[in-house]
Amino acid sequence: MCRNIRPLHNFEPPATGDEVTAAALQYVRKVSGTAKPSKANQEAFDRAVAEVAHATRHLLEDLVTTAPPKDREVEAEKARARAALRYAR
């Protein structure tokens, strides 16, 4: 999985439209192998981002869990702690 795509399910507050679109953009960039498409491919690229974002929103709406929602700040702190351990020299 692409490191820049973050889990979006089961957070309080829920994922925003911007977060969903950013994840879709990262996915399409990874799959297409380009960060910035040529003018000839821009329309297809933008359409793919919109479609992936649309499917992602539906997925997040339909997922069910019994786990309590995760706190974004707590999860971010855990990620920073893991990174500090990983990159400590």
PDB file of N, CA and C in Angstrom:
ATOM      1  N   MET A   1       0.841  -1.181   0.000  1.00  0.00           N
ATOM      2  CA  MET A   1       0.000   0.000   0.000  1.00  0.00           C
ATOM      3  C   MET A   1       0.884   1.242   0.000  1.00  0.00           C
ATOM      4  N   CYS A   2       0.415   2.244  -0.628  1.00  0.00           N
ATOM      5  CA  CYS A   2       1.129   3.516  -0.673  1.00  0.00           C
ATOM      6  C   CYS A   2       1.159   4.130   0.725  1.00  0.00           C
ATOM      7  N   ARG A   3       2.320   4.566   1.158  1.00  0.00           N
ATOM      8  CA  ARG A   3       2.461   5.125   2.501  1.00  0.00           C
ATOM      9  C   ARG A   3       1.633   6.383   2.709  1.00  0.00           C
ATOM     10  N   ASN A   4       1.342   7.116   1.666  1.00  0.00           N
ATOM     11  CA  ASN A   4       0.608   8.368   1.814  1.00  0.00           C
ATOM     12  C   ASN A   4      -0.892   8.183   1.944  1.00  0.00           C
ATOM     13  N   ILE A   5      -1.374   6.989   1.699  1.00  0.00           N
ATOM     14  CA  ILE A   5      -2.803   6.737   1.846  1.00  0.00           C
ATOM     15  C   ILE A   5      -3.038   6.283   3.277  1.00  0.00           C
ATOM     16  N   ARG A   6      -3.821   7.027   4.016  1.00  0.00           N
ATOM     17  CA  ARG A   6      -4.082   6.765   5.422  1.00  0.00           C
ATOM     18  C   ARG A   6      -5.438   6.088   5.599  1.00  0.00           C
ATOM     19  N   PRO A   7      -5.563   5.238   6.637  1.00  0.00           N
ATOM     20  CA  PRO A   7      -6.883   4.675   6.935  1.00  0.00           C
ATOM     21  C   PRO A   7      -7.875   5.801   7.222  1.00  0.00           C
ATOM     22  N   LEU A   8      -9.084   5.668   6.730  1.00  0.00           N
ATOM     23  CA  LEU A   8     -10.103   6.696   6.902  1.00  0.00           C
ATOM     24  C   LEU A   8     -11.317   6.210   7.682  1.00  0.00           C
ATOM     25  N   HIS A   9     -11.382   4.916   7.931  1.00  0.00           N
ATOM     26  CA  HIS A   9     -12.566   4.329   8.571  1.00  0.00           C
ATOM     27  C   HIS A   9     -12.478   4.391  10.089  1.00  0.00           C
ATOM     28  N   ASN A  10     -13.596   4.645  10.717  1.00  0.00           N
ATOM     29  CA  ASN A  10     -13.784   4.565  12.162  1.00  0.00           C
ATOM     30  C   ASN A  10     -12.988   5.626  12.925  1.00  0.00           C
ATOM     31  N   PHE A  11     -13.043   6.841  12.459  1.00  0.00           N
ATOM     32  CA  PHE A  11     -12.415   7.949  13.159  1.00  0.00           C
ATOM     33  C   PHE A  11     -13.476   8.926  13.626  1.00  0.00           C
ATOM     34  N   GLU A  12     -13.175   9.600  14.701  1.00  0.00           N
ATOM     35  CA  GLU A  12     -14.042  10.661  15.189  1.00  0.00           C
ATOM     36  C   GLU A  12     -13.244  11.947  15.193  1.00  0.00           C
ATOM     37  N   PRO A  13     -13.593  12.954  14.476  1.00  0.00           N
ATOM     38  CA  PRO A  13     -14.723  13.031  13.542  1.00  0.00           C
ATOM     39  C   PRO A  13     -14.449  12.215  12.276  1.00  0.00           C
ATOM     40  N   PRO A  14     -15.507  11.880  11.551  1.00  0.00           N
ATOM     41  CA  PRO A  14     -15.357  11.074  10.340  1.00  0.00           C
ATOM     42  C   PRO A  14     -14.485  11.760   9.295  1.00  0.00           C
ATOM     43  N   ALA A  15     -14.002  10.965   8.360  1.00  0.00           N
ATOM     44  CA  ALA A  15     -13.170  11.486   7.266  1.00  0.00           C
ATOM     45  C   ALA A  15     -13.920  12.561   6.494  1.00  0.00           C
ATOM     46  N   THR A  16     -13.193  13.600   6.147  1.00  0.00           N
ATOM     47  CA  THR A  16     -13.793  14.693   5.380  1.00  0.00           C
ATOM     48  C   THR A  16     -13.732  14.371   3.891  1.00  0.00           C
ATOM     49  N   GLY A  17     -14.457  15.128   3.114  1.00  0.00           N
ATOM     50  CA  GLY A  17     -14.408  14.972   1.658  1.00  0.00           C
ATOM     51  C   GLY A  17     -13.012  15.227   1.115  1.00  0.00           C
ATOM     52  N   ASP A  18     -12.314  16.191   1.721  1.00  0.00           N
ATOM     53  CA  ASP A  18     -10.939  16.484   1.290  1.00  0.00           C
ATOM     54  C   ASP A  18     -10.004  15.304   1.547  1.00  0.00           C
ATOM     55  N   GLU A  19     -10.181  14.638   2.685  1.00  0.00           N
ATOM     56  CA  GLU A  19      -9.347  13.473   2.993  1.00  0.00           C
ATOM     57  C   GLU A  19      -9.617  12.326   2.019  1.00  0.00           C
ATOM     58  N   VAL A  20     -10.874  12.122   1.696  1.00  0.00           N
ATOM     59  CA  VAL A  20     -11.245  11.069   0.749  1.00  0.00           C
ATOM     60  C   VAL A  20     -10.663  11.384  -0.627  1.00  0.00           C
ATOM     61  N   THR A  21     -10.769  12.622  -1.060  1.00  0.00           N
ATOM     62  CA  THR A  21     -10.235  13.020  -2.368  1.00  0.00           C
ATOM     63  C   THR A  21      -8.719  12.907  -2.393  1.00  0.00           C
ATOM     64  N   ALA A  22      -8.055  13.279  -1.302  1.00  0.00           N
ATOM     65  CA  ALA A  22      -6.588  13.168  -1.235  1.00  0.00           C
ATOM     66  C   ALA A  22      -6.154  11.709  -1.326  1.00  0.00           C
ATOM     67  N   ALA A  23      -6.878  10.818  -0.658  1.00  0.00           N
ATOM     68  CA  ALA A  23      -6.552   9.395  -0.733  1.00  0.00           C
ATOM     69  C   ALA A  23      -6.770   8.873  -2.157  1.00  0.00           C
ATOM     70  N   ALA A  24      -7.858   9.310  -2.793  1.00  0.00           N
ATOM     71  CA  ALA A  24      -8.134   8.891  -4.169  1.00  0.00           C
ATOM     72  C   ALA A  24      -7.051   9.392  -5.111  1.00  0.00           C
ATOM     73  N   LEU A  25      -6.619  10.627  -4.920  1.00  0.00           N
ATOM     74  CA  LEU A  25      -5.561  11.188  -5.750  1.00  0.00           C
ATOM     75  C   LEU A  25      -4.270  10.386  -5.591  1.00  0.00           C
ATOM     76  N   GLN A  26      -3.901  10.057  -4.362  1.00  0.00           N
ATOM     77  CA  GLN A  26      -2.689   9.272  -4.136  1.00  0.00           C
ATOM     78  C   GLN A  26      -2.798   7.896  -4.796  1.00  0.00           C
ATOM     79  N   TYR A  27      -3.970   7.273  -4.697  1.00  0.00           N
ATOM     80  CA  TYR A  27      -4.174   5.963  -5.319  1.00  0.00           C
ATOM     81  C   TYR A  27      -4.017   6.051  -6.839  1.00  0.00           C
ATOM     82  N   VAL A  28      -4.663   7.035  -7.450  1.00  0.00           N
ATOM     83  CA  VAL A  28      -4.590   7.175  -8.911  1.00  0.00           C
ATOM     84  C   VAL A  28      -3.162   7.505  -9.342  1.00  0.00           C
ATOM     85  N   ARG A  29      -2.467   8.328  -8.583  1.00  0.00           N
ATOM     86  CA  ARG A  29      -1.066   8.623  -8.896  1.00  0.00           C
ATOM     87  C   ARG A  29      -0.222   7.349  -8.859  1.00  0.00           C
ATOM     88  N   LYS A  30      -0.449   6.538  -7.841  1.00  0.00           N
ATOM     89  CA  LYS A  30       0.322   5.303  -7.693  1.00  0.00           C
ATOM     90  C   LYS A  30       0.034   4.342  -8.851  1.00  0.00           C
ATOM     91  N   VAL A  31      -1.231   4.150  -9.146  1.00  0.00           N
ATOM     92  CA  VAL A  31      -1.624   3.208 -10.198  1.00  0.00           C
ATOM     93  C   VAL A  31      -1.171   3.677 -11.575  1.00  0.00           C
ATOM     94  N   SER A  32      -1.281   4.990 -11.826  1.00  0.00           N
ATOM     95  CA  SER A  32      -0.924   5.511 -13.147  1.00  0.00           C
ATOM     96  C   SER A  32       0.583   5.696 -13.303  1.00  0.00           C
ATOM     97  N   GLY A  33       1.289   5.757 -12.176  1.00  0.00           N
ATOM     98  CA  GLY A  33       2.732   5.932 -12.245  1.00  0.00           C
ATOM     99  C   GLY A  33       3.160   7.360 -12.526  1.00  0.00           C
ATOM    100  N   THR A  34       2.259   8.309 -12.318  1.00  0.00           N
ATOM    101  CA  THR A  34       2.593   9.704 -12.568  1.00  0.00           C
ATOM    102  C   THR A  34       1.937  10.597 -11.522  1.00  0.00           C
ATOM    103  N   ALA A  35       2.657  11.609 -11.095  1.00  0.00           N
ATOM    104  CA  ALA A  35       2.099  12.558 -10.140  1.00  0.00           C
ATOM    105  C   ALA A  35       1.324  13.657 -10.857  1.00  0.00           C
ATOM    106  N   LYS A  36       1.744  13.976 -12.059  1.00  0.00           N
ATOM    107  CA  LYS A  36       1.078  15.007 -12.851  1.00  0.00           C
ATOM    108  C   LYS A  36       0.916  14.487 -14.273  1.00  0.00           C
ATOM    109  N   PRO A  37      -0.308  14.209 -14.672  1.00  0.00           N
ATOM    110  CA  PRO A  37      -0.514  13.664 -16.014  1.00  0.00           C
ATOM    111  C   PRO A  37      -0.293  14.719 -17.104  1.00  0.00           C
ATOM    112  N   SER A  38      -0.053  14.235 -18.289  1.00  0.00           N
ATOM    113  CA  SER A  38       0.068  15.141 -19.430  1.00  0.00           C
ATOM    114  C   SER A  38      -1.308  15.745 -19.731  1.00  0.00           C
ATOM    115  N   LYS A  39      -1.321  16.787 -20.537  1.00  0.00           N
ATOM    116  CA  LYS A  39      -2.597  17.420 -20.908  1.00  0.00           C
ATOM    117  C   LYS A  39      -3.516  16.422 -21.600  1.00  0.00           C
ATOM    118  N   ALA A  40      -2.925  15.523 -22.368  1.00  0.00           N
ATOM    119  CA  ALA A  40      -3.725  14.530 -23.090  1.00  0.00           C
ATOM    120  C   ALA A  40      -4.410  13.557 -22.123  1.00  0.00           C
ATOM    121  N   ASN A  41      -3.820  13.339 -20.965  1.00  0.00           N
ATOM    122  CA  ASN A  41      -4.371  12.375 -20.000  1.00  0.00           C
ATOM    123  C   ASN A  41      -5.078  13.035 -18.817  1.00  0.00           C
ATOM    124  N   GLN A  42      -5.079  14.358 -18.746  1.00  0.00           N
ATOM    125  CA  GLN A  42      -5.624  15.058 -17.582  1.00  0.00           C
ATOM    126  C   GLN A  42      -7.087  14.720 -17.323  1.00  0.00           C
ATOM    127  N   GLU A  43      -7.893  14.689 -18.369  1.00  0.00           N
ATOM    128  CA  GLU A  43      -9.320  14.402 -18.190  1.00  0.00           C
ATOM    129  C   GLU A  43      -9.540  13.001 -17.625  1.00  0.00           C
ATOM    130  N   ALA A  44      -8.849  12.017 -18.166  1.00  0.00           N
ATOM    131  CA  ALA A  44      -8.980  10.634 -17.675  1.00  0.00           C
ATOM    132  C   ALA A  44      -8.496  10.535 -16.230  1.00  0.00           C
ATOM    133  N   PHE A  45      -7.407  11.218 -15.924  1.00  0.00           N
ATOM    134  CA  PHE A  45      -6.840  11.221 -14.573  1.00  0.00           C
ATOM    135  C   PHE A  45      -7.845  11.822 -13.582  1.00  0.00           C
ATOM    136  N   ASP A  46      -8.381  12.979 -13.908  1.00  0.00           N
ATOM    137  CA  ASP A  46      -9.349  13.651 -13.031  1.00  0.00           C
ATOM    138  C   ASP A  46     -10.615  12.812 -12.855  1.00  0.00           C
ATOM    139  N   ARG A  47     -11.061  12.192 -13.933  1.00  0.00           N
ATOM    140  CA  ARG A  47     -12.250  11.340 -13.853  1.00  0.00           C
ATOM    141  C   ARG A  47     -11.993  10.148 -12.940  1.00  0.00           C
ATOM    142  N   ALA A  48     -10.801   9.554 -13.040  1.00  0.00           N
ATOM    143  CA  ALA A  48     -10.451   8.416 -12.190  1.00  0.00           C
ATOM    144  C   ALA A  48     -10.423   8.833 -10.718  1.00  0.00           C
ATOM    145  N   VAL A  49      -9.856   9.991 -10.420  1.00  0.00           N
ATOM    146  CA  VAL A  49      -9.822  10.481  -9.035  1.00  0.00           C
ATOM    147  C   VAL A  49     -11.243  10.650  -8.512  1.00  0.00           C
ATOM    148  N   ALA A  50     -12.114  11.250  -9.295  1.00  0.00           N
ATOM    149  CA  ALA A  50     -13.507  11.460  -8.877  1.00  0.00           C
ATOM    150  C   ALA A  50     -14.221  10.129  -8.642  1.00  0.00           C
ATOM    151  N   GLU A  51     -13.998   9.163  -9.523  1.00  0.00           N
ATOM    152  CA  GLU A  51     -14.663   7.860  -9.384  1.00  0.00           C
ATOM    153  C   GLU A  51     -14.147   7.091  -8.175  1.00  0.00           C
ATOM    154  N   VAL A  52     -12.844   7.124  -7.946  1.00  0.00           N
ATOM    155  CA  VAL A  52     -12.274   6.442  -6.780  1.00  0.00           C
ATOM    156  C   VAL A  52     -12.767   7.112  -5.499  1.00  0.00           C
ATOM    157  N   ALA A  53     -12.813   8.429  -5.473  1.00  0.00           N
ATOM    158  CA  ALA A  53     -13.316   9.157  -4.298  1.00  0.00           C
ATOM    159  C   ALA A  53     -14.779   8.794  -4.038  1.00  0.00           C
ATOM    160  N   HIS A  54     -15.569   8.722  -5.101  1.00  0.00           N
ATOM    161  CA  HIS A  54     -16.986   8.367  -4.987  1.00  0.00           C
ATOM    162  C   HIS A  54     -17.133   6.960  -4.383  1.00  0.00           C
ATOM    163  N   ALA A  55     -16.386   6.009  -4.911  1.00  0.00           N
ATOM    164  CA  ALA A  55     -16.445   4.630  -4.408  1.00  0.00           C
ATOM    165  C   ALA A  55     -15.965   4.574  -2.957  1.00  0.00           C
ATOM    166  N   THR A  56     -14.959   5.356  -2.627  1.00  0.00           N
ATOM    167  CA  THR A  56     -14.438   5.373  -1.260  1.00  0.00           C
ATOM    168  C   THR A  56     -15.472   5.909  -0.287  1.00  0.00           C
ATOM    169  N   ARG A  57     -16.161   6.982  -0.667  1.00  0.00           N
ATOM    170  CA  ARG A  57     -17.209   7.526   0.205  1.00  0.00           C
ATOM    171  C   ARG A  57     -18.290   6.478   0.466  1.00  0.00           C
ATOM    172  N   HIS A  58     -18.700   5.759  -0.576  1.00  0.00           N
ATOM    173  CA  HIS A  58     -19.712   4.715  -0.406  1.00  0.00           C
ATOM    174  C   HIS A  58     -19.185   3.604   0.503  1.00  0.00           C
ATOM    175  N   LEU A  59     -17.949   3.223   0.317  1.00  0.00           N
ATOM    176  CA  LEU A  59     -17.363   2.185   1.159  1.00  0.00           C
ATOM    177  C   LEU A  59     -17.368   2.617   2.624  1.00  0.00           C
ATOM    178  N   LEU A  60     -16.902   3.820   2.897  1.00  0.00           N
ATOM    179  CA  LEU A  60     -16.851   4.292   4.279  1.00  0.00           C
ATOM    180  C   LEU A  60     -18.243   4.391   4.900  1.00  0.00           C
ATOM    181  N   GLU A  61     -19.232   4.760   4.115  1.00  0.00           N
ATOM    182  CA  GLU A  61     -20.612   4.841   4.613  1.00  0.00           C
ATOM    183  C   GLU A  61     -21.174   3.466   4.945  1.00  0.00           C
ATOM    184  N   ASP A  62     -20.760   2.446   4.175  1.00  0.00           N
ATOM    185  CA  ASP A  62     -21.335   1.115   4.322  1.00  0.00           C
ATOM    186  C   ASP A  62     -20.608   0.221   5.320  1.00  0.00           C
ATOM    187  N   LEU A  63     -19.367   0.553   5.679  1.00  0.00           N
ATOM    188  CA  LEU A  63     -18.621  -0.276   6.615  1.00  0.00           C
ATOM    189  C   LEU A  63     -19.260  -0.220   7.998  1.00  0.00           C
ATOM    190  N   VAL A  64     -19.265  -1.371   8.676  1.00  0.00           N
ATOM    191  CA  VAL A  64     -19.849  -1.486  10.005  1.00  0.00           C
ATOM    192  C   VAL A  64     -18.770  -1.995  10.950  1.00  0.00           C
ATOM    193  N   THR A  65     -18.730  -1.452  12.159  1.00  0.00           N
ATOM    194  CA  THR A  65     -17.775  -1.926  13.149  1.00  0.00           C
ATOM    195  C   THR A  65     -18.375  -1.811  14.535  1.00  0.00           C
ATOM    196  N   THR A  66     -17.915  -2.660  15.446  1.00  0.00           N
ATOM    197  CA  THR A  66     -18.338  -2.567  16.842  1.00  0.00           C
ATOM    198  C   THR A  66     -17.268  -1.880  17.681  1.00  0.00           C
ATOM    199  N   ALA A  67     -16.115  -1.623  17.081  1.00  0.00           N
ATOM    200  CA  ALA A  67     -15.021  -0.956  17.794  1.00  0.00           C
ATOM    201  C   ALA A  67     -15.364   0.519  18.009  1.00  0.00           C
ATOM    202  N   PRO A  68     -14.923   1.069  19.120  1.00  0.00           N
ATOM    203  CA  PRO A  68     -15.164   2.497  19.328  1.00  0.00           C
ATOM    204  C   PRO A  68     -14.347   3.322  18.343  1.00  0.00           C
ATOM    205  N   PRO A  69     -14.841   4.495  17.958  1.00  0.00           N
ATOM    206  CA  PRO A  69     -14.096   5.336  17.008  1.00  0.00           C
ATOM    207  C   PRO A  69     -12.733   5.718  17.572  1.00  0.00           C
ATOM    208  N   LYS A  70     -11.745   5.811  16.669  1.00  0.00           N
ATOM    209  CA  LYS A  70     -10.398   6.203  17.066  1.00  0.00           C
ATOM    210  C   LYS A  70     -10.295   7.720  17.068  1.00  0.00           C
ATOM    211  N   ASP A  71      -9.474   8.220  17.973  1.00  0.00           N
ATOM    212  CA  ASP A  71      -9.221   9.646  18.061  1.00  0.00           C
ATOM    213  C   ASP A  71      -8.060   9.994  17.144  1.00  0.00           C
ATOM    214  N   ARG A  72      -8.235  10.965  16.283  1.00  0.00           N
ATOM    215  CA  ARG A  72      -7.208  11.333  15.296  1.00  0.00           C
ATOM    216  C   ARG A  72      -5.898  11.762  15.955  1.00  0.00           C
ATOM    217  N   GLU A  73      -5.999  12.543  17.024  1.00  0.00           N
ATOM    218  CA  GLU A  73      -4.782  13.036  17.684  1.00  0.00           C
ATOM    219  C   GLU A  73      -4.005  11.900  18.351  1.00  0.00           C
ATOM    220  N   VAL A  74      -4.714  10.981  18.973  1.00  0.00           N
ATOM    221  CA  VAL A  74      -4.055   9.835  19.613  1.00  0.00           C
ATOM    222  C   VAL A  74      -3.356   8.989  18.558  1.00  0.00           C
ATOM    223  N   GLU A  75      -4.038   8.734  17.448  1.00  0.00           N
ATOM    224  CA  GLU A  75      -3.441   7.931  16.379  1.00  0.00           C
ATOM    225  C   GLU A  75      -2.243   8.643  15.757  1.00  0.00           C
ATOM    226  N   ALA A  76      -2.323   9.953  15.615  1.00  0.00           N
ATOM    227  CA  ALA A  76      -1.199  10.725  15.065  1.00  0.00           C
ATOM    228  C   ALA A  76       0.003  10.654  16.000  1.00  0.00           C
ATOM    229  N   GLU A  77      -0.231  10.717  17.289  1.00  0.00           N
ATOM    230  CA  GLU A  77       0.868  10.627  18.259  1.00  0.00           C
ATOM    231  C   GLU A  77       1.520   9.240  18.211  1.00  0.00           C
ATOM    232  N   LYS A  78       0.706   8.204  18.078  1.00  0.00           N
ATOM    233  CA  LYS A  78       1.252   6.849  17.951  1.00  0.00           C
ATOM    234  C   LYS A  78       2.137   6.749  16.703  1.00  0.00           C
ATOM    235  N   ALA A  79       1.678   7.335  15.605  1.00  0.00           N
ATOM    236  CA  ALA A  79       2.459   7.303  14.360  1.00  0.00           C
ATOM    237  C   ALA A  79       3.767   8.065  14.522  1.00  0.00           C
ATOM    238  N   ARG A  80       3.727   9.206  15.202  1.00  0.00           N
ATOM    239  CA  ARG A  80       4.967   9.964  15.440  1.00  0.00           C
ATOM    240  C   ARG A  80       5.938   9.169  16.297  1.00  0.00           C
ATOM    241  N   ALA A  81       5.431   8.467  17.304  1.00  0.00           N
ATOM    242  CA  ALA A  81       6.287   7.651  18.169  1.00  0.00           C
ATOM    243  C   ALA A  81       6.922   6.507  17.375  1.00  0.00           C
ATOM    244  N   ARG A  82       6.132   5.862  16.503  1.00  0.00           N
ATOM    245  CA  ARG A  82       6.692   4.787  15.663  1.00  0.00           C
ATOM    246  C   ARG A  82       7.766   5.332  14.733  1.00  0.00           C
ATOM    247  N   ALA A  83       7.517   6.500  14.164  1.00  0.00           N
ATOM    248  CA  ALA A  83       8.492   7.110  13.256  1.00  0.00           C
ATOM    249  C   ALA A  83       9.770   7.475  13.997  1.00  0.00           C
ATOM    250  N   ALA A  84       9.632   7.981  15.219  1.00  0.00           N
ATOM    251  CA  ALA A  84      10.815   8.343  16.002  1.00  0.00           C
ATOM    252  C   ALA A  84      11.667   7.113  16.274  1.00  0.00           C
ATOM    253  N   LEU A  85      11.031   5.990  16.576  1.00  0.00           N
ATOM    254  CA  LEU A  85      11.782   4.753  16.797  1.00  0.00           C
ATOM    255  C   LEU A  85      12.426   4.256  15.507  1.00  0.00           C
ATOM    256  N   ARG A  86      11.690   4.345  14.424  1.00  0.00           N
ATOM    257  CA  ARG A  86      12.179   3.832  13.143  1.00  0.00           C
ATOM    258  C   ARG A  86      13.351   4.643  12.627  1.00  0.00           C
ATOM    259  N   TYR A  87      13.288   5.951  12.800  1.00  0.00           N
ATOM    260  CA  TYR A  87      14.307   6.809  12.199  1.00  0.00           C
ATOM    261  C   TYR A  87      15.368   7.289  13.194  1.00  0.00           C
ATOM    262  N   ALA A  88      15.276   6.827  14.430  1.00  0.00           N
ATOM    263  CA  ALA A  88      16.301   7.204  15.420  1.00  0.00           C
ATOM    264  C   ALA A  88      17.618   6.545  15.061  1.00  0.00           C
ATOM    265  N   ARG A  89      18.673   7.305  15.187  1.00  0.00           N
ATOM    266  CA  ARG A  89      19.991   6.760  14.849  1.00  0.00           C
ATOM    267  C   ARG A  89      20.894   6.918  16.019  1.00  0.00           C
TER     268      ARG A  89
END
